[in-house]
Amino acid sequence: MDDWSRRRYSVSEYREFLNKFTQEYPNYRKNIYRPLFWEEDLFTMNVEQMKRFLVDRVCANSRSLKYMQDNRNILSRFFQWCERREIIPFNLFESQEYALSIFQEYMIEGMDTVPIYREELERVISGVQTRRELCELLARGFFEGIETIADFVRLRVCHVHFDEGTLEYRGVRRKMSPEFFKAVDAYWKFLDANQKGRATASCPQRDMLGVLARGGGTEADRERYRRNQAKNIKRCMSKISEESGCEITPERLFVSGFLEFVRKKCIEEGRDHVFFVQIFRCAYETKYHKIIEIYAKEYGMPGKIYSEKLRLRCYPYVIRDKRMFEKTVDR
């Protein structure tokens, strides 16, 4: 086809293509049937333009490789649909130049994602002055495997087992560090002194963070309670970031804690840094997915492990951080 670099279709034609495509694939409509896609000349973009379009504009502020990968796959499916109807001569996403890894590397370059080691966590915690007891409990909890804010909100006093050194989390009793239990104890003592003992172990059904879980009332009351608790945790995480001088989020702490566990397991098993990186580099169903699943279960992650999803969460941290192993391996 002659001079394919010039625009071949108008905005209205793009919109019509997308409309017909999403009629056949309705699940993709909310992703791709929007002005961003028909106002741009998708078919003539080179790889640099496509990277900026997909990562910077379609994914915007998202830091999720999976979200980017899903959108790339939808866009590739659209190009394939157009190729079959001879709207375009070929699906450029099937070429090596537009491989998924190219887009992943571009996205990772723009991320500020490096793991927080345990010694760095101690520095972060020591720098917090405001609501210190609660902030320390949250930071240690996320770092040691509590995955989300919603998970923290669901925890009760009865889920904390000091004598066993375990936390009952999503139906699984997982080992936590002595420092975590010290943080729980310090926070409960703080509440005893300031809130008339509302979080003592004599009230096992109370929220672990010290507020009575409203088992009664309407569902709207319970939902309002959960939202307020989540907002409280978010404010604390913002305060930790502000006073420590670096961005601290539940996601960053959770991934960092898991990666530190995997790093130590690799060292114990005589694995080198190359193997560690390879675990998280390899996509799709490989032996490394099974390794991720095994490590995740040993770490105490409850429920079904989705290895590819977990890999994509960890991968940017592994690639961005060159210090992995340097602090624990004798050279």
Protein backbone atom coordinates (compact mmCIF):
# COMPACT_ATOMS: atom_id res chain seq x y z
CA MET A 1 0.00 0.00 0.00
CA ASP A 2 1.38 3.40 -0.94
CA ASP A 3 2.66 5.92 1.61
CA TRP A 4 1.16 4.32 4.70
CA SER A 5 2.76 7.01 6.88
CA ARG A 6 0.04 9.52 5.91
CA ARG A 7 -3.30 9.46 7.67
CA ARG A 8 -5.60 7.09 5.87
CA TYR A 9 -8.82 7.42 7.84
CA SER A 10 -10.82 10.26 9.34
CA VAL A 11 -11.94 10.61 12.95
CA SER A 12 -15.44 9.49 12.03
CA GLU A 13 -14.07 6.41 10.23
CA TYR A 14 -11.97 5.45 13.24
CA ARG A 15 -15.02 5.83 15.44
CA GLU A 16 -17.04 3.61 13.15
CA PHE A 17 -14.30 0.93 13.14
CA LEU A 18 -14.17 0.98 16.92
CA ASN A 19 -17.95 0.86 17.18
CA LYS A 20 -18.17 -2.23 14.96
CA PHE A 21 -15.24 -3.86 16.76
CA THR A 22 -16.81 -3.39 20.20
CA GLN A 23 -20.14 -4.67 18.93
CA GLU A 24 -18.36 -7.94 18.26
CA TYR A 25 -16.32 -7.72 21.48
CA PRO A 26 -18.56 -5.84 23.95
CA ASN A 27 -16.26 -6.55 26.91
CA TYR A 28 -13.69 -4.21 25.36
CA ARG A 29 -16.03 -1.28 24.84
CA LYS A 30 -15.27 0.62 28.04
CA ASN A 31 -11.53 0.31 27.38
CA ILE A 32 -11.32 1.37 23.76
CA TYR A 33 -14.52 3.06 22.63
CA ARG A 34 -13.63 6.59 23.68
CA PRO A 35 -12.38 9.78 21.98
CA LEU A 36 -8.75 9.12 22.86
CA PHE A 37 -8.72 6.23 20.39
CA TRP A 38 -10.60 7.68 17.45
CA GLU A 39 -9.04 11.15 17.58
CA GLU A 40 -5.53 9.72 17.24
CA ASP A 41 -4.16 8.22 14.04
CA LEU A 42 -3.35 4.83 15.54
CA PHE A 43 -2.47 3.05 12.30
CA THR A 44 0.46 5.33 11.38
CA MET A 45 2.15 5.52 14.81
CA ASN A 46 5.75 4.36 15.02
CA VAL A 47 6.89 2.43 18.09
CA GLU A 48 7.97 5.53 20.05
CA GLN A 49 4.64 7.23 19.41
CA MET A 50 2.75 4.07 20.32
CA LYS A 51 4.69 3.71 23.61
CA ARG A 52 3.83 7.27 24.61
CA PHE A 53 0.22 6.81 23.54
CA LEU A 54 -0.36 3.52 25.34
CA VAL A 55 1.68 4.08 28.50
CA ASP A 56 1.48 7.84 29.03
CA ARG A 57 -2.02 8.52 27.74
CA VAL A 58 -4.11 5.35 27.85
CA CYS A 59 -2.66 4.11 31.14
CA ALA A 60 -2.09 7.66 32.40
CA ASN A 61 -0.95 7.52 36.03
CA SER A 62 -1.41 3.78 36.43
CA ARG A 63 1.61 1.91 37.78
CA SER A 64 0.18 -1.47 36.93
CA LEU A 65 1.99 -3.51 34.30
CA LYS A 66 -1.04 -5.76 34.11
CA TYR A 67 -3.32 -2.82 33.31
CA MET A 68 -0.95 -1.73 30.54
CA GLN A 69 -0.65 -5.30 29.24
CA ASP A 70 -4.45 -5.70 29.15
CA ASN A 71 -4.84 -2.47 27.18
CA ARG A 72 -2.07 -3.43 24.77
CA ASN A 73 -3.75 -6.80 24.18
CA ILE A 74 -7.08 -5.09 23.44
CA LEU A 75 -5.39 -2.70 21.03
CA SER A 76 -3.66 -5.62 19.34
CA ARG A 77 -7.00 -7.42 19.03
CA PHE A 78 -8.44 -4.30 17.36
CA PHE A 79 -5.53 -4.16 14.91
CA GLN A 80 -6.01 -7.86 14.17
CA TRP A 81 -9.72 -7.23 13.53
CA CYS A 82 -8.82 -4.41 11.14
CA GLU A 83 -6.22 -6.54 9.35
CA ARG A 84 -8.77 -9.28 8.66
CA ARG A 85 -11.02 -6.68 7.02
CA GLU A 86 -8.13 -5.20 5.03
CA ILE A 87 -8.49 -1.86 6.77
CA ILE A 88 -4.74 -2.06 7.48
CA PRO A 89 -2.10 -4.25 5.82
CA PHE A 90 -0.84 -5.92 9.02
CA ASN A 91 -1.07 -5.96 12.81
CA LEU A 92 2.04 -4.13 13.95
CA PHE A 93 1.70 -5.57 17.48
CA GLU A 94 2.67 -8.96 16.09
CA SER A 95 6.12 -7.65 15.14
CA GLN A 96 9.08 -7.89 17.50
CA GLU A 97 9.49 -4.12 17.35
CA TYR A 98 6.16 -3.74 19.19
CA ALA A 99 6.65 -6.67 21.60
CA LEU A 100 5.13 -6.49 25.06
CA SER A 101 8.58 -6.25 26.68
CA ILE A 102 9.24 -2.96 24.83
CA PHE A 103 6.19 -1.37 26.44
CA GLN A 104 6.96 -2.88 29.84
CA GLU A 105 10.49 -1.45 29.82
CA TYR A 106 9.20 1.96 28.83
CA MET A 107 6.62 1.93 31.62
CA ILE A 108 9.12 0.76 34.23
CA GLU A 109 11.54 3.56 33.28
CA GLY A 110 8.94 6.07 34.40
CA MET A 111 8.22 4.37 37.72
CA ASP A 112 9.67 5.31 41.08
CA THR A 113 9.52 1.76 42.37
CA VAL A 114 12.38 0.39 44.44
CA PRO A 115 11.97 -2.01 47.33
CA ILE A 116 12.25 -0.92 50.95
CA TYR A 117 14.58 -3.19 52.88
CA ARG A 118 13.90 -4.01 56.51
CA GLU A 119 16.70 -1.73 57.69
CA GLU A 120 15.20 1.08 55.62
CA LEU A 121 11.81 0.33 57.13
CA GLU A 122 13.32 0.87 60.58
CA ARG A 123 14.65 4.25 59.45
CA VAL A 124 11.23 5.21 58.08
CA ILE A 125 9.49 4.20 61.32
CA SER A 126 12.00 6.02 63.51
CA GLY A 127 11.37 9.22 61.56
CA VAL A 128 7.63 9.26 62.26
CA GLN A 129 6.46 11.44 65.13
CA THR A 130 2.75 11.97 64.44
CA ARG A 131 0.48 9.10 65.55
CA ARG A 132 3.63 7.04 65.87
CA GLU A 133 2.07 3.93 67.45
CA LEU A 134 -0.54 3.50 64.74
CA CYS A 135 1.83 4.40 61.90
CA GLU A 136 4.37 1.83 63.07
CA LEU A 137 1.70 -0.88 63.34
CA LEU A 138 0.49 -0.14 59.81
CA ALA A 139 3.98 -0.01 58.29
CA ARG A 140 5.07 -3.27 59.87
CA GLY A 141 1.77 -4.97 59.05
CA PHE A 142 1.89 -4.13 55.34
CA PHE A 143 5.59 -5.01 55.12
CA GLU A 144 4.99 -8.40 56.74
CA GLY A 145 2.18 -9.48 54.46
CA ILE A 146 -1.10 -7.63 55.09
CA GLU A 147 -1.92 -6.82 51.51
CA THR A 148 -4.49 -4.04 51.45
CA ILE A 149 -6.10 -1.35 53.56
CA ALA A 150 -9.36 -3.30 53.40
CA ASP A 151 -7.58 -6.30 54.91
CA PHE A 152 -6.37 -4.18 57.84
CA VAL A 153 -9.89 -2.86 58.43
CA ARG A 154 -11.23 -6.42 58.71
CA LEU A 155 -8.76 -7.52 61.40
CA ARG A 156 -10.10 -8.05 64.92
CA VAL A 157 -8.47 -8.40 68.33
CA CYS A 158 -9.26 -12.13 68.23
CA HIS A 159 -7.10 -12.50 65.11
CA VAL A 160 -3.92 -11.61 67.04
CA HIS A 161 -2.26 -14.59 68.77
CA PHE A 162 0.62 -13.36 70.91
CA ASP A 163 1.35 -16.80 72.36
CA GLU A 164 1.79 -18.38 68.90
CA GLY A 165 3.39 -15.38 67.24
CA THR A 166 0.74 -15.55 64.50
CA LEU A 167 -1.87 -13.35 62.91
CA GLU A 168 -5.07 -14.90 61.60
CA TYR A 169 -5.29 -13.33 58.17
CA ARG A 170 -7.89 -14.31 55.56
CA GLY A 171 -8.43 -17.56 57.41
CA VAL A 172 -4.73 -18.45 57.61
CA ARG A 173 -2.50 -18.13 60.67
CA ARG A 174 0.73 -16.59 59.44
CA LYS A 175 3.92 -15.98 61.37
CA MET A 176 4.70 -12.35 62.14
CA SER A 177 7.87 -10.84 63.59
CA PRO A 178 8.34 -10.02 67.29
CA GLU A 179 8.56 -6.37 66.21
CA PHE A 180 5.05 -6.55 64.77
CA PHE A 181 3.62 -7.86 68.05
CA LYS A 182 5.52 -5.21 69.99
CA ALA A 183 3.89 -2.62 67.73
CA VAL A 184 0.44 -4.14 68.37
CA ASP A 185 1.07 -4.15 72.12
CA ALA A 186 2.36 -0.56 72.09
CA TYR A 187 -0.64 0.63 70.11
CA TRP A 188 -3.15 -1.13 72.36
CA LYS A 189 -1.47 0.33 75.46
CA PHE A 190 -1.69 3.75 73.83
CA LEU A 191 -5.42 3.21 73.30
CA ASP A 192 -5.87 1.93 76.86
CA ALA A 193 -4.30 5.13 78.14
CA ASN A 194 -6.18 7.46 75.82
CA GLN A 195 -9.44 5.76 74.89
CA LYS A 196 -10.52 3.94 78.04
CA GLY A 197 -9.28 0.50 77.08
CA ARG A 198 -11.38 0.05 73.99
CA ALA A 199 -8.84 -2.27 72.32
CA THR A 200 -7.93 -4.64 75.12
CA ALA A 201 -7.85 -8.40 74.55
CA SER A 202 -10.92 -8.73 76.76
CA CYS A 203 -12.90 -7.41 73.79
CA PRO A 204 -11.96 -10.01 71.13
CA GLN A 205 -14.51 -8.94 68.54
CA ARG A 206 -13.37 -5.34 68.49
CA ASP A 207 -11.49 -3.97 65.56
CA MET A 208 -7.74 -4.50 65.94
CA LEU A 209 -7.17 -0.79 65.40
CA GLY A 210 -9.27 0.01 68.44
CA VAL A 211 -12.69 1.00 67.16
CA LEU A 212 -15.75 -1.11 67.83
CA ALA A 213 -16.73 -3.03 64.72
CA ARG A 214 -20.37 -2.22 64.17
CA GLY A 215 -21.89 -5.62 63.78
CA GLY A 216 -25.34 -4.14 64.27
CA GLY A 217 -27.09 -1.45 62.30
CA THR A 218 -27.71 -1.41 58.60
CA GLU A 219 -25.33 -2.40 55.84
CA ALA A 220 -24.97 1.31 55.10
CA ASP A 221 -23.76 1.85 58.69
CA ARG A 222 -21.18 -0.90 58.34
CA GLU A 223 -20.03 0.40 54.98
CA ARG A 224 -19.68 3.91 56.42
CA TYR A 225 -17.58 2.51 59.25
CA ARG A 226 -15.28 0.68 56.81
CA ARG A 227 -14.85 3.80 54.68
CA ASN A 228 -13.95 5.92 57.70
CA GLN A 229 -11.40 3.39 58.87
CA ALA A 230 -9.87 3.22 55.38
CA LYS A 231 -9.60 7.01 55.28
CA ASN A 232 -7.90 6.96 58.65
CA ILE A 233 -5.31 4.48 57.39
CA LYS A 234 -4.71 6.49 54.21
CA ARG A 235 -4.08 9.61 56.28
CA CYS A 236 -1.55 7.69 58.36
CA MET A 237 0.24 6.42 55.26
CA SER A 238 0.43 9.96 53.91
CA LYS A 239 1.85 11.11 57.22
CA ILE A 240 4.51 8.36 57.11
CA SER A 241 5.50 9.49 53.60
CA GLU A 242 5.62 13.14 54.62
CA GLU A 243 7.72 12.63 57.74
CA SER A 244 10.06 10.00 56.27
CA GLY A 245 10.72 11.95 53.08
CA CYS A 246 9.86 9.12 50.68
CA GLU A 247 6.65 7.70 49.27
CA ILE A 248 5.33 4.89 51.44
CA THR A 249 2.25 2.99 50.27
CA PRO A 250 0.66 -0.32 51.28
CA GLU A 251 1.56 -1.72 47.84
CA ARG A 252 5.21 -0.72 48.11
CA LEU A 253 5.53 -2.18 51.60
CA PHE A 254 3.72 -5.41 50.69
CA VAL A 255 5.81 -6.05 47.57
CA SER A 256 9.03 -5.10 49.39
CA GLY A 257 8.35 -7.56 52.21
CA PHE A 258 7.66 -10.39 49.77
CA LEU A 259 10.75 -9.64 47.67
CA GLU A 260 12.96 -9.58 50.74
CA PHE A 261 11.58 -13.01 51.69
CA VAL A 262 12.27 -14.37 48.18
CA ARG A 263 15.74 -12.84 48.18
CA LYS A 264 16.59 -14.61 51.45
CA LYS A 265 15.14 -17.91 50.19
CA CYS A 266 17.27 -17.72 47.06
CA ILE A 267 20.39 -17.09 49.12
CA GLU A 268 19.58 -19.99 51.46
CA GLU A 269 19.15 -22.26 48.44
CA GLY A 270 22.40 -21.12 46.83
CA ARG A 271 20.65 -19.24 44.03
CA ASP A 272 22.35 -16.19 42.52
CA HIS A 273 21.03 -12.77 41.56
CA VAL A 274 20.48 -13.85 37.94
CA PHE A 275 18.08 -16.57 39.09
CA PHE A 276 16.28 -14.13 41.36
CA VAL A 277 15.67 -11.69 38.49
CA GLN A 278 14.69 -14.50 36.13
CA ILE A 279 11.90 -15.59 38.47
CA PHE A 280 10.12 -12.30 37.87
CA ARG A 281 11.23 -11.65 34.29
CA CYS A 282 9.64 -14.70 32.70
CA ALA A 283 6.02 -14.21 31.63
CA TYR A 284 3.31 -16.73 30.92
CA GLU A 285 3.22 -20.28 32.27
CA THR A 286 6.77 -21.32 33.05
CA LYS A 287 8.58 -23.21 35.79
CA TYR A 288 9.20 -19.81 37.39
CA HIS A 289 5.48 -19.35 37.93
CA LYS A 290 5.53 -22.49 40.04
CA ILE A 291 8.50 -21.12 41.99
CA ILE A 292 6.62 -17.87 42.65
CA GLU A 293 3.62 -19.88 43.85
CA ILE A 294 5.79 -21.99 46.19
CA TYR A 295 7.51 -18.94 47.68
CA ALA A 296 4.20 -17.11 48.06
CA LYS A 297 2.69 -20.01 50.00
CA GLU A 298 5.78 -20.30 52.18
CA TYR A 299 5.53 -16.56 52.82
CA GLY A 300 1.99 -17.11 54.07
CA MET A 301 -0.11 -15.57 51.31
CA PRO A 302 -3.62 -16.95 51.77
CA GLY A 303 -5.97 -18.31 49.15
CA LYS A 304 -5.23 -19.08 45.51
CA ILE A 305 -1.95 -17.66 44.22
CA TYR A 306 -2.13 -16.01 40.80
CA SER A 307 1.54 -16.20 39.87
CA GLU A 308 1.44 -14.00 36.77
CA LYS A 309 -0.45 -11.25 38.57
CA LEU A 310 2.00 -11.37 41.48
CA ARG A 311 4.96 -11.43 39.09
CA LEU A 312 3.75 -8.29 37.33
CA ARG A 313 3.42 -6.49 40.67
CA CYS A 314 6.97 -7.40 41.66
CA TYR A 315 8.75 -7.06 38.31
CA PRO A 316 9.18 -3.24 38.27
CA TYR A 317 10.72 -3.31 41.74
CA VAL A 318 13.16 -6.05 40.75
CA ILE A 319 14.25 -4.27 37.58
CA ARG A 320 14.50 -0.80 39.10
CA ASP A 321 16.53 -1.89 42.11
CA LYS A 322 20.14 -2.92 41.52
CA ARG A 323 20.91 -3.41 45.20
CA MET A 324 19.13 -6.75 45.57
CA PHE A 325 21.51 -9.25 47.11
CA GLU A 326 24.30 -6.69 47.59
CA LYS A 327 23.51 -6.34 51.29
CA THR A 328 23.41 -10.07 52.04
CA VAL A 329 25.77 -11.87 49.69
CA ASP A 330 29.51 -12.07 50.35
CA ARG A 331 31.41 -11.01 47.29
